[in-house]
Amino acid sequence: MSSATAEARPEHRNLVGAFWRGFRNFRRSRPFWGGLLAMIAGVPILYFPYAHLSLGGVTIAMSTTAGAGSLIIGVLLIILGLTAWFQPAVRIFAGVATTLLILVSIPVSNLAGFGMALLPGLIGGGLMMAWAKLPEPAVAAGAGAAEGTTAESVATEEPAAAAPAAPAAAEPVAEQPAAGASVPVQQAGEPKEVR
């Protein structure tokens, strides 16, 4: 095998690299971070109403009558985050619903999980609403080929179009001011006044 026939980047069986490339493509094709933050926001809302925390020797139970509401809000936030991941077409609905559920969780479930779910939920909802899919680069190249232009023909046409025009042979001669008269200075970029 000579250097002319060798592959530029030989195909290695790197499972970690293949997984990472697949994960990167997954992340870039959907509102990944918004969905992740919505799921993270659902965890404290679910946890605190059913948790029994012990400080020293004292057990603190925060179970209230709002435990069912917290359960529903927390599960819905996790489902909305997963929906944004696997159905990016409904990202606007998922973002609006996440934002509304986080705001509802302030009075319903211990001040939105003692404030730990408030910021991730609001940011996640905003990220889901703001996400937009990038345009495919192959589509733009296909449109240019359909019109009969190629990158090579466009590259050769641009310098010709950008070349400055030759000065006209018959430009009118401006009047010369009388001796001792002040001559106004023409500002750069102003067109010459022709009389």
N, C-alpha and C. Protein backbone atom coordinates (compact mmCIF):
# COMPACT_ATOMS: atom_id res chain seq x y z
N MET A 1 0.85 -1.16 0.00
CA MET A 1 0.00 0.00 0.00
C MET A 1 0.91 1.23 0.00
N SER A 2 0.71 2.11 -0.93
CA SER A 2 1.51 3.33 -0.99
C SER A 2 0.74 4.46 -0.32
N SER A 3 1.41 5.59 -0.17
CA SER A 3 0.75 6.73 0.47
C SER A 3 -0.36 7.30 -0.41
N ALA A 4 -0.31 7.03 -1.70
CA ALA A 4 -1.36 7.53 -2.59
C ALA A 4 -2.65 6.74 -2.44
N THR A 5 -2.54 5.49 -2.05
CA THR A 5 -3.75 4.67 -1.92
C THR A 5 -4.22 4.54 -0.48
N ALA A 6 -3.46 5.07 0.48
CA ALA A 6 -3.86 4.96 1.89
C ALA A 6 -5.01 5.93 2.17
N GLU A 7 -5.88 5.53 3.07
CA GLU A 7 -6.99 6.38 3.47
C GLU A 7 -6.47 7.55 4.29
N ALA A 8 -7.07 8.71 4.10
CA ALA A 8 -6.65 9.89 4.83
C ALA A 8 -6.92 9.73 6.33
N ARG A 9 -8.10 9.23 6.65
CA ARG A 9 -8.44 8.95 8.05
C ARG A 9 -8.92 7.53 8.12
N PRO A 10 -8.05 6.61 8.49
CA PRO A 10 -8.48 5.21 8.52
C PRO A 10 -9.63 5.01 9.50
N GLU A 11 -10.51 4.12 9.14
CA GLU A 11 -11.70 3.84 9.95
C GLU A 11 -11.31 2.96 11.13
N HIS A 12 -11.34 3.55 12.33
CA HIS A 12 -11.04 2.78 13.53
C HIS A 12 -12.35 2.36 14.16
N ARG A 13 -12.31 1.27 14.85
CA ARG A 13 -13.50 0.77 15.54
C ARG A 13 -13.51 1.35 16.96
N ASN A 14 -13.62 2.66 17.05
CA ASN A 14 -13.63 3.34 18.33
C ASN A 14 -15.09 3.51 18.76
N LEU A 15 -15.52 2.70 19.69
CA LEU A 15 -16.92 2.75 20.12
C LEU A 15 -17.24 4.04 20.87
N VAL A 16 -16.29 4.52 21.65
CA VAL A 16 -16.54 5.76 22.40
C VAL A 16 -16.68 6.93 21.44
N GLY A 17 -15.80 7.00 20.42
CA GLY A 17 -15.90 8.08 19.43
C GLY A 17 -17.18 8.00 18.64
N ALA A 18 -17.58 6.79 18.25
CA ALA A 18 -18.82 6.63 17.50
C ALA A 18 -20.03 7.02 18.35
N PHE A 19 -20.01 6.63 19.64
CA PHE A 19 -21.10 7.01 20.53
C PHE A 19 -21.15 8.52 20.69
N TRP A 20 -19.97 9.15 20.87
CA TRP A 20 -19.94 10.60 21.08
C TRP A 20 -20.43 11.36 19.85
N ARG A 21 -20.06 10.89 18.64
CA ARG A 21 -20.55 11.53 17.42
C ARG A 21 -22.05 11.38 17.29
N GLY A 22 -22.58 10.21 17.63
CA GLY A 22 -24.03 10.01 17.60
C GLY A 22 -24.75 10.88 18.61
N PHE A 23 -24.17 11.00 19.81
CA PHE A 23 -24.76 11.85 20.84
C PHE A 23 -24.71 13.31 20.43
N ARG A 24 -23.62 13.73 19.80
CA ARG A 24 -23.50 15.12 19.34
C ARG A 24 -24.56 15.42 18.27
N ASN A 25 -24.78 14.49 17.34
CA ASN A 25 -25.82 14.67 16.33
C ASN A 25 -27.20 14.71 16.97
N PHE A 26 -27.41 13.88 18.00
CA PHE A 26 -28.69 13.88 18.72
C PHE A 26 -28.91 15.24 19.39
N ARG A 27 -27.87 15.75 20.06
CA ARG A 27 -27.98 17.04 20.76
C ARG A 27 -28.26 18.19 19.82
N ARG A 28 -27.63 18.18 18.65
CA ARG A 28 -27.76 19.31 17.73
C ARG A 28 -29.06 19.31 16.94
N SER A 29 -29.78 18.21 16.94
CA SER A 29 -30.98 18.12 16.12
C SER A 29 -32.27 18.29 16.92
N ARG A 30 -32.16 18.75 18.15
CA ARG A 30 -33.35 18.93 19.00
C ARG A 30 -33.02 19.88 20.14
N PRO A 31 -34.02 20.40 20.85
CA PRO A 31 -33.74 21.31 21.98
C PRO A 31 -33.26 20.52 23.20
N PHE A 32 -32.03 20.02 23.12
CA PHE A 32 -31.51 19.11 24.14
C PHE A 32 -31.40 19.77 25.51
N TRP A 33 -30.77 20.94 25.57
CA TRP A 33 -30.53 21.57 26.87
C TRP A 33 -31.82 22.06 27.51
N GLY A 34 -32.76 22.51 26.73
CA GLY A 34 -34.04 22.91 27.29
C GLY A 34 -34.78 21.73 27.90
N GLY A 35 -34.78 20.60 27.21
CA GLY A 35 -35.42 19.40 27.74
C GLY A 35 -34.73 18.88 28.99
N LEU A 36 -33.39 18.94 28.99
CA LEU A 36 -32.64 18.48 30.15
C LEU A 36 -32.94 19.35 31.37
N LEU A 37 -32.97 20.66 31.19
CA LEU A 37 -33.27 21.55 32.31
C LEU A 37 -34.71 21.37 32.81
N ALA A 38 -35.64 21.08 31.90
CA ALA A 38 -37.02 20.83 32.34
C ALA A 38 -37.10 19.56 33.18
N MET A 39 -36.35 18.52 32.79
CA MET A 39 -36.35 17.28 33.58
C MET A 39 -35.66 17.49 34.93
N ILE A 40 -34.58 18.28 34.94
CA ILE A 40 -33.89 18.58 36.20
C ILE A 40 -34.83 19.36 37.13
N ALA A 41 -35.64 20.26 36.56
CA ALA A 41 -36.57 21.04 37.38
C ALA A 41 -37.66 20.15 37.98
N GLY A 42 -38.01 19.07 37.32
CA GLY A 42 -39.05 18.20 37.84
C GLY A 42 -38.62 17.39 39.06
N VAL A 43 -37.32 17.15 39.20
CA VAL A 43 -36.83 16.29 40.29
C VAL A 43 -37.06 16.90 41.68
N PRO A 44 -36.65 18.14 41.96
CA PRO A 44 -36.90 18.66 43.31
C PRO A 44 -38.39 18.84 43.62
N ILE A 45 -39.17 19.12 42.60
CA ILE A 45 -40.62 19.26 42.84
C ILE A 45 -41.20 17.92 43.26
N LEU A 46 -40.71 16.84 42.67
CA LEU A 46 -41.16 15.51 43.06
C LEU A 46 -40.61 15.09 44.42
N TYR A 47 -39.37 15.45 44.69
CA TYR A 47 -38.67 14.89 45.85
C TYR A 47 -39.14 15.46 47.19
N PHE A 48 -39.21 16.78 47.32
CA PHE A 48 -39.41 17.37 48.64
C PHE A 48 -40.74 17.04 49.31
N PRO A 49 -41.87 16.97 48.62
CA PRO A 49 -43.10 16.63 49.34
C PRO A 49 -43.12 15.21 49.91
N TYR A 50 -42.29 14.32 49.38
CA TYR A 50 -42.29 12.94 49.85
C TYR A 50 -41.04 12.58 50.62
N ALA A 51 -40.15 13.54 50.84
CA ALA A 51 -38.87 13.26 51.51
C ALA A 51 -39.02 13.37 53.02
N HIS A 52 -38.24 12.59 53.71
CA HIS A 52 -38.12 12.68 55.16
C HIS A 52 -36.67 13.00 55.45
N LEU A 53 -36.40 14.27 55.70
CA LEU A 53 -35.05 14.73 55.96
C LEU A 53 -34.76 14.63 57.45
N SER A 54 -33.55 14.24 57.78
CA SER A 54 -33.20 14.19 59.20
C SER A 54 -32.05 15.16 59.46
N LEU A 55 -32.30 16.07 60.38
CA LEU A 55 -31.29 17.03 60.81
C LEU A 55 -30.91 16.68 62.24
N GLY A 56 -29.70 16.21 62.43
CA GLY A 56 -29.30 15.73 63.76
C GLY A 56 -30.08 14.46 64.06
N GLY A 57 -30.88 14.50 65.07
CA GLY A 57 -31.71 13.35 65.42
C GLY A 57 -33.17 13.59 65.13
N VAL A 58 -33.50 14.74 64.51
CA VAL A 58 -34.89 15.11 64.27
C VAL A 58 -35.25 14.81 62.82
N THR A 59 -36.33 14.11 62.60
CA THR A 59 -36.81 13.82 61.27
C THR A 59 -37.84 14.87 60.87
N ILE A 60 -37.61 15.45 59.71
CA ILE A 60 -38.50 16.50 59.21
C ILE A 60 -39.25 15.94 58.02
N ALA A 61 -40.56 15.94 58.08
CA ALA A 61 -41.39 15.49 56.96
C ALA A 61 -42.12 16.69 56.40
N MET A 62 -41.97 16.91 55.12
CA MET A 62 -42.61 18.06 54.47
C MET A 62 -43.83 17.63 53.68
N SER A 63 -44.41 16.52 54.01
CA SER A 63 -45.60 16.05 53.31
C SER A 63 -46.76 16.96 53.64
N THR A 64 -47.38 17.45 52.60
CA THR A 64 -48.52 18.34 52.78
C THR A 64 -49.66 17.82 51.92
N THR A 65 -50.76 18.54 51.95
CA THR A 65 -51.88 18.16 51.11
C THR A 65 -51.58 18.43 49.64
N ALA A 66 -50.55 19.23 49.38
CA ALA A 66 -50.18 19.53 48.00
C ALA A 66 -49.26 18.46 47.40
N GLY A 67 -49.09 17.36 48.09
CA GLY A 67 -48.21 16.30 47.58
C GLY A 67 -48.68 15.75 46.25
N ALA A 68 -49.98 15.61 46.05
CA ALA A 68 -50.49 15.10 44.77
C ALA A 68 -50.25 16.09 43.65
N GLY A 69 -50.43 17.38 43.95
CA GLY A 69 -50.15 18.41 42.95
C GLY A 69 -48.67 18.44 42.57
N SER A 70 -47.80 18.27 43.55
CA SER A 70 -46.38 18.23 43.28
C SER A 70 -46.01 17.02 42.45
N LEU A 71 -46.64 15.90 42.73
CA LEU A 71 -46.38 14.69 41.95
C LEU A 71 -46.77 14.90 40.49
N ILE A 72 -47.93 15.48 40.26
CA ILE A 72 -48.39 15.70 38.89
C ILE A 72 -47.49 16.70 38.17
N ILE A 73 -47.13 17.80 38.83
CA ILE A 73 -46.29 18.81 38.19
C ILE A 73 -44.90 18.24 37.88
N GLY A 74 -44.32 17.53 38.83
CA GLY A 74 -42.99 16.96 38.61
C GLY A 74 -42.96 15.96 37.48
N VAL A 75 -43.95 15.07 37.45
CA VAL A 75 -44.00 14.07 36.37
C VAL A 75 -44.25 14.75 35.03
N LEU A 76 -45.11 15.76 34.99
CA LEU A 76 -45.36 16.46 33.73
C LEU A 76 -44.12 17.19 33.22
N LEU A 77 -43.33 17.77 34.13
CA LEU A 77 -42.10 18.43 33.70
C LEU A 77 -41.11 17.44 33.09
N ILE A 78 -41.00 16.28 33.68
CA ILE A 78 -40.10 15.25 33.13
C ILE A 78 -40.62 14.77 31.78
N ILE A 79 -41.92 14.59 31.65
CA ILE A 79 -42.50 14.15 30.37
C ILE A 79 -42.34 15.23 29.31
N LEU A 80 -42.49 16.50 29.68
CA LEU A 80 -42.31 17.58 28.70
C LEU A 80 -40.85 17.68 28.24
N GLY A 81 -39.91 17.44 29.14
CA GLY A 81 -38.51 17.42 28.75
C GLY A 81 -38.22 16.29 27.77
N LEU A 82 -38.76 15.11 28.04
CA LEU A 82 -38.57 13.98 27.12
C LEU A 82 -39.29 14.23 25.79
N THR A 83 -40.44 14.87 25.83
CA THR A 83 -41.17 15.19 24.60
C THR A 83 -40.36 16.14 23.73
N ALA A 84 -39.72 17.13 24.34
CA ALA A 84 -38.88 18.05 23.57
C ALA A 84 -37.71 17.32 22.93
N TRP A 85 -37.20 16.29 23.58
CA TRP A 85 -36.10 15.51 23.02
C TRP A 85 -36.54 14.66 21.84
N PHE A 86 -37.65 13.95 22.01
CA PHE A 86 -38.02 12.95 21.01
C PHE A 86 -39.07 13.40 20.01
N GLN A 87 -39.71 14.55 20.25
CA GLN A 87 -40.65 15.13 19.31
C GLN A 87 -40.38 16.63 19.19
N PRO A 88 -39.27 17.02 18.53
CA PRO A 88 -38.92 18.45 18.48
C PRO A 88 -39.97 19.33 17.80
N ALA A 89 -40.89 18.74 17.08
CA ALA A 89 -41.91 19.54 16.40
C ALA A 89 -42.85 20.22 17.39
N VAL A 90 -42.99 19.69 18.59
CA VAL A 90 -43.90 20.28 19.58
C VAL A 90 -43.13 21.05 20.65
N ARG A 91 -41.96 21.57 20.28
CA ARG A 91 -41.10 22.25 21.26
C ARG A 91 -41.74 23.52 21.80
N ILE A 92 -42.52 24.22 20.99
CA ILE A 92 -43.16 25.46 21.47
C ILE A 92 -44.18 25.13 22.56
N PHE A 93 -45.00 24.12 22.31
CA PHE A 93 -45.98 23.70 23.32
C PHE A 93 -45.27 23.25 24.59
N ALA A 94 -44.22 22.45 24.44
CA ALA A 94 -43.50 21.94 25.61
C ALA A 94 -42.85 23.09 26.39
N GLY A 95 -42.32 24.08 25.69
CA GLY A 95 -41.70 25.21 26.37
C GLY A 95 -42.71 26.06 27.13
N VAL A 96 -43.85 26.33 26.49
CA VAL A 96 -44.89 27.13 27.16
C VAL A 96 -45.45 26.37 28.36
N ALA A 97 -45.70 25.08 28.18
CA ALA A 97 -46.24 24.27 29.28
C ALA A 97 -45.25 24.17 30.43
N THR A 98 -43.95 24.04 30.12
CA THR A 98 -42.94 23.98 31.18
C THR A 98 -42.91 25.28 31.97
N THR A 99 -42.94 26.40 31.27
CA THR A 99 -42.93 27.69 31.95
C THR A 99 -44.16 27.87 32.84
N LEU A 100 -45.32 27.51 32.33
CA LEU A 100 -46.55 27.64 33.12
C LEU A 100 -46.55 26.71 34.33
N LEU A 101 -46.07 25.47 34.15
CA LEU A 101 -46.04 24.53 35.27
C LEU A 101 -45.07 24.98 36.36
N ILE A 102 -43.95 25.56 35.95
CA ILE A 102 -43.01 26.06 36.95
C ILE A 102 -43.64 27.21 37.74
N LEU A 103 -44.34 28.08 37.06
CA LEU A 103 -44.99 29.19 37.76
C LEU A 103 -46.11 28.70 38.67
N VAL A 104 -46.83 27.68 38.26
CA VAL A 104 -47.88 27.11 39.10
C VAL A 104 -47.28 26.39 40.30
N SER A 105 -46.07 25.84 40.13
CA SER A 105 -45.46 25.09 41.23
C SER A 105 -44.99 25.98 42.37
N ILE A 106 -44.91 27.27 42.15
CA ILE A 106 -44.48 28.17 43.24
C ILE A 106 -45.47 28.09 44.41
N PRO A 107 -46.78 28.29 44.21
CA PRO A 107 -47.68 28.18 45.36
C PRO A 107 -48.06 26.74 45.69
N VAL A 108 -47.97 25.84 44.72
CA VAL A 108 -48.47 24.48 44.94
C VAL A 108 -47.45 23.59 45.64
N SER A 109 -46.21 23.63 45.23
CA SER A 109 -45.26 22.64 45.76
C SER A 109 -44.04 23.30 46.38
N ASN A 110 -44.20 23.76 47.59
CA ASN A 110 -43.10 24.26 48.41
C ASN A 110 -42.22 25.26 47.69
N LEU A 111 -42.82 26.30 47.14
CA LEU A 111 -42.09 27.36 46.43
C LEU A 111 -41.20 26.80 45.34
N ALA A 112 -41.77 25.97 44.49
CA ALA A 112 -41.07 25.34 43.37
C ALA A 112 -39.85 24.57 43.84
N GLY A 113 -40.06 23.69 44.79
CA GLY A 113 -38.96 22.88 45.30
C GLY A 113 -37.93 23.71 46.01
N PHE A 114 -38.40 24.64 46.86
CA PHE A 114 -37.55 25.59 47.59
C PHE A 114 -36.67 26.39 46.65
N GLY A 115 -37.20 26.73 45.50
CA GLY A 115 -36.50 27.57 44.54
C GLY A 115 -35.50 26.83 43.66
N MET A 116 -35.25 25.57 43.95
CA MET A 116 -34.26 24.82 43.16
C MET A 116 -34.78 24.45 41.78
N ALA A 117 -36.07 24.43 41.59
CA ALA A 117 -36.63 24.09 40.28
C ALA A 117 -37.01 25.34 39.49
N LEU A 118 -37.07 26.48 40.15
CA LEU A 118 -37.57 27.68 39.49
C LEU A 118 -36.67 28.13 38.35
N LEU A 119 -35.40 28.32 38.61
CA LEU A 119 -34.49 28.81 37.58
C LEU A 119 -34.27 27.80 36.45
N PRO A 120 -33.97 26.53 36.75
CA PRO A 120 -33.82 25.58 35.64
C PRO A 120 -35.09 25.42 34.81
N GLY A 121 -36.24 25.49 35.45
CA GLY A 121 -37.50 25.34 34.72
C GLY A 121 -37.78 26.51 33.79
N LEU A 122 -37.55 27.73 34.28
CA LEU A 122 -37.79 28.90 33.43
C LEU A 122 -36.80 28.96 32.28
N ILE A 123 -35.53 28.68 32.55
CA ILE A 123 -34.53 28.70 31.49
C ILE A 123 -34.79 27.58 30.49
N GLY A 124 -35.14 26.40 30.98
CA GLY A 124 -35.43 25.27 30.09
C GLY A 124 -36.63 25.54 29.20
N GLY A 125 -37.68 26.12 29.76
CA GLY A 125 -38.85 26.46 28.95
C GLY A 125 -38.51 27.48 27.88
N GLY A 126 -37.71 28.48 28.25
CA GLY A 126 -37.30 29.48 27.26
C GLY A 126 -36.42 28.88 26.18
N LEU A 127 -35.51 27.98 26.55
CA LEU A 127 -34.65 27.35 25.54
C LEU A 127 -35.45 26.48 24.58
N MET A 128 -36.47 25.81 25.11
CA MET A 128 -37.30 24.98 24.21
C MET A 128 -38.06 25.84 23.22
N MET A 129 -38.57 26.98 23.69
CA MET A 129 -39.33 27.86 22.79
C MET A 129 -38.41 28.54 21.77
N ALA A 130 -37.18 28.83 22.15
CA ALA A 130 -36.28 29.59 21.28
C ALA A 130 -35.52 28.71 20.29
N TRP A 131 -35.48 27.41 20.49
CA TRP A 131 -34.68 26.54 19.65
C TRP A 131 -35.25 26.48 18.24
N ALA A 132 -34.36 26.48 17.25
CA ALA A 132 -34.77 26.34 15.85
C ALA A 132 -33.77 25.43 15.16
N LYS A 133 -34.26 24.60 14.29
CA LYS A 133 -33.38 23.67 13.58
C LYS A 133 -32.55 24.43 12.56
N LEU A 134 -31.26 24.07 12.46
CA LEU A 134 -30.38 24.72 11.49
C LEU A 134 -30.75 24.27 10.09
N PRO A 135 -30.63 25.15 9.09
CA PRO A 135 -30.93 24.73 7.72
C PRO A 135 -29.88 23.75 7.22
N GLU A 136 -30.32 22.86 6.39
CA GLU A 136 -29.43 21.85 5.83
C GLU A 136 -28.53 22.49 4.78
N PRO A 137 -27.21 22.29 4.85
CA PRO A 137 -26.33 22.89 3.85
C PRO A 137 -26.49 22.26 2.47
N ALA A 138 -26.90 21.01 2.39
CA ALA A 138 -27.07 20.35 1.10
C ALA A 138 -28.22 20.97 0.32
N VAL A 139 -29.22 21.48 1.00
CA VAL A 139 -30.37 22.07 0.33
C VAL A 139 -29.95 23.35 -0.39
N ALA A 140 -29.11 24.16 0.25
CA ALA A 140 -28.67 25.41 -0.36
C ALA A 140 -27.82 25.14 -1.59
N ALA A 141 -26.96 24.12 -1.54
CA ALA A 141 -26.13 23.77 -2.70
C ALA A 141 -27.00 23.20 -3.82
N GLY A 142 -28.04 22.46 -3.45
CA GLY A 142 -28.93 21.88 -4.45
C GLY A 142 -29.73 22.95 -5.17
N ALA A 143 -30.09 24.02 -4.48
CA ALA A 143 -30.86 25.10 -5.11
C ALA A 143 -30.00 25.84 -6.13
N GLY A 144 -28.71 26.03 -5.81
CA GLY A 144 -27.82 26.71 -6.75
C GLY A 144 -27.58 25.86 -7.99
N ALA A 145 -27.49 24.56 -7.83
CA ALA A 145 -27.28 23.67 -8.97
C ALA A 145 -28.53 23.63 -9.84
N ALA A 146 -29.69 23.78 -9.22
CA ALA A 146 -30.93 23.74 -10.00
C ALA A 146 -31.05 24.96 -10.89
N GLU A 147 -30.47 26.08 -10.46
CA GLU A 147 -30.56 27.29 -11.26
C GLU A 147 -29.51 27.32 -12.36
N GLY A 148 -28.62 26.35 -12.37
CA GLY A 148 -27.62 26.29 -13.42
C GLY A 148 -26.33 26.99 -13.03
N THR A 149 -26.19 27.42 -11.79
CA THR A 149 -24.94 28.04 -11.36
C THR A 149 -24.21 27.08 -10.46
N THR A 150 -22.93 27.11 -10.53
CA THR A 150 -22.12 26.29 -9.65
C THR A 150 -21.20 27.21 -8.88
N ALA A 151 -20.54 26.67 -7.90
CA ALA A 151 -19.63 27.48 -7.09
C ALA A 151 -18.48 28.00 -7.94
N GLU A 152 -18.03 27.19 -8.91
CA GLU A 152 -16.92 27.63 -9.76
C GLU A 152 -17.34 28.78 -10.66
N SER A 153 -18.55 28.70 -11.23
CA SER A 153 -18.99 29.76 -12.12
C SER A 153 -19.26 31.05 -11.35
N VAL A 154 -19.77 30.93 -10.11
CA VAL A 154 -20.01 32.11 -9.30
C VAL A 154 -18.68 32.74 -8.91
N ALA A 155 -17.68 31.91 -8.61
CA ALA A 155 -16.37 32.44 -8.22
C ALA A 155 -15.70 33.16 -9.38
N THR A 156 -15.92 32.69 -10.60
CA THR A 156 -15.29 33.37 -11.74
C THR A 156 -16.06 34.61 -12.15
N GLU A 157 -17.35 34.66 -11.86
CA GLU A 157 -18.15 35.83 -12.22
C GLU A 157 -17.97 36.98 -11.25
N GLU A 158 -17.70 36.70 -9.98
CA GLU A 158 -17.61 37.76 -8.98
C GLU A 158 -16.49 38.75 -9.28
N PRO A 159 -15.26 38.34 -9.62
CA PRO A 159 -14.24 39.34 -9.88
C PRO A 159 -14.57 40.23 -11.08
N ALA A 160 -15.19 39.68 -12.10
CA ALA A 160 -15.55 40.48 -13.26
C ALA A 160 -16.61 41.51 -12.89
N ALA A 161 -17.56 41.13 -12.05
CA ALA A 161 -18.61 42.06 -11.65
C ALA A 161 -18.07 43.12 -10.70
N ALA A 162 -17.06 42.76 -9.93
CA ALA A 162 -16.53 43.69 -8.94
C ALA A 162 -15.48 44.63 -9.52
N ALA A 163 -15.07 44.42 -10.77
CA ALA A 163 -14.04 45.27 -11.38
C ALA A 163 -14.60 46.67 -11.56
N PRO A 164 -13.78 47.70 -11.30
CA PRO A 164 -14.29 49.08 -11.43
C PRO A 164 -14.52 49.42 -12.89
N ALA A 165 -15.50 50.23 -13.09
CA ALA A 165 -15.83 50.63 -14.46
C ALA A 165 -14.77 51.62 -14.95
N ALA A 166 -14.48 51.57 -16.24
CA ALA A 166 -13.49 52.48 -16.82
C ALA A 166 -14.06 53.88 -16.82
N PRO A 167 -13.22 54.91 -16.58
CA PRO A 167 -13.75 56.27 -16.56
C PRO A 167 -14.26 56.67 -17.93
N ALA A 168 -15.29 57.45 -17.92
CA ALA A 168 -15.89 57.87 -19.19
C ALA A 168 -14.93 58.82 -19.89
N ALA A 169 -14.87 58.71 -21.21
CA ALA A 169 -13.92 59.52 -21.99
C ALA A 169 -14.37 60.97 -22.06
N ALA A 170 -15.66 61.19 -22.04
CA ALA A 170 -16.15 62.55 -22.23
C ALA A 170 -16.75 63.09 -20.95
N GLU A 171 -15.93 63.23 -19.89
CA GLU A 171 -16.44 63.82 -18.67
C GLU A 171 -16.48 65.34 -18.83
N PRO A 172 -17.50 65.99 -18.35
CA PRO A 172 -17.55 67.45 -18.46
C PRO A 172 -16.49 68.08 -17.57
N VAL A 173 -15.92 69.15 -18.05
CA VAL A 173 -14.88 69.86 -17.31
C VAL A 173 -15.55 70.88 -16.41
N ALA A 174 -15.17 70.84 -15.12
CA ALA A 174 -15.76 71.77 -14.17
C ALA A 174 -15.14 73.15 -14.37
N GLU A 175 -15.92 74.19 -14.08
CA GLU A 175 -15.44 75.56 -14.23
C GLU A 175 -14.35 75.83 -13.21
N GLN A 176 -13.35 76.55 -13.61
CA GLN A 176 -12.27 76.93 -12.71
C GLN A 176 -12.70 78.18 -11.96
N PRO A 177 -12.49 78.21 -10.63
CA PRO A 177 -12.88 79.40 -9.87
C PRO A 177 -11.93 80.57 -10.19
N ALA A 178 -12.46 81.74 -10.01
CA ALA A 178 -11.66 82.94 -10.26
C ALA A 178 -10.52 83.01 -9.25
N ALA A 179 -9.47 83.72 -9.58
CA ALA A 179 -8.31 83.82 -8.71
C ALA A 179 -8.70 84.49 -7.41
N GLY A 180 -8.28 83.88 -6.29
CA GLY A 180 -8.56 84.44 -4.97
C GLY A 180 -9.89 83.99 -4.40
N ALA A 181 -10.71 83.28 -5.16
CA ALA A 181 -11.99 82.80 -4.64
C ALA A 181 -11.74 81.52 -3.83
N SER A 182 -12.55 81.32 -2.82
CA SER A 182 -12.38 80.12 -2.01
C SER A 182 -13.02 78.93 -2.72
N VAL A 183 -12.33 77.82 -2.63
CA VAL A 183 -12.81 76.59 -3.27
C VAL A 183 -13.36 75.68 -2.18
N PRO A 184 -14.64 75.28 -2.26
CA PRO A 184 -15.17 74.37 -1.23
C PRO A 184 -14.51 73.00 -1.36
N VAL A 185 -14.19 72.40 -0.22
CA VAL A 185 -13.56 71.08 -0.20
C VAL A 185 -14.65 70.04 -0.32
N GLN A 186 -14.45 69.13 -1.24
CA GLN A 186 -15.45 68.08 -1.45
C GLN A 186 -15.23 66.96 -0.43
N GLN A 187 -16.28 66.55 0.22
CA GLN A 187 -16.20 65.50 1.21
C GLN A 187 -16.05 64.16 0.50
N ALA A 188 -15.35 63.25 1.16
CA ALA A 188 -15.17 61.92 0.58
C ALA A 188 -16.52 61.24 0.51
N GLY A 189 -16.77 60.61 -0.58
CA GLY A 189 -18.01 59.87 -0.77
C GLY A 189 -19.11 60.70 -1.36
N GLU A 190 -18.97 62.02 -1.48
CA GLU A 190 -20.00 62.85 -2.08
C GLU A 190 -19.88 62.78 -3.59
N PRO A 191 -20.97 62.76 -4.28
CA PRO A 191 -20.87 62.76 -5.76
C PRO A 191 -20.44 64.13 -6.25
N LYS A 192 -19.73 64.13 -7.37
CA LYS A 192 -19.31 65.40 -7.97
C LYS A 192 -20.51 66.08 -8.57
N GLU A 193 -20.53 67.37 -8.43
CA GLU A 193 -21.65 68.14 -8.97
C GLU A 193 -21.33 68.52 -10.41
N VAL A 194 -22.19 68.15 -11.31
CA VAL A 194 -21.98 68.43 -12.72
C VAL A 194 -22.96 69.51 -13.15
N ARG A 195 -22.45 70.55 -13.81
CA ARG A 195 -23.34 71.64 -14.24
C ARG A 195 -23.48 71.68 -15.72
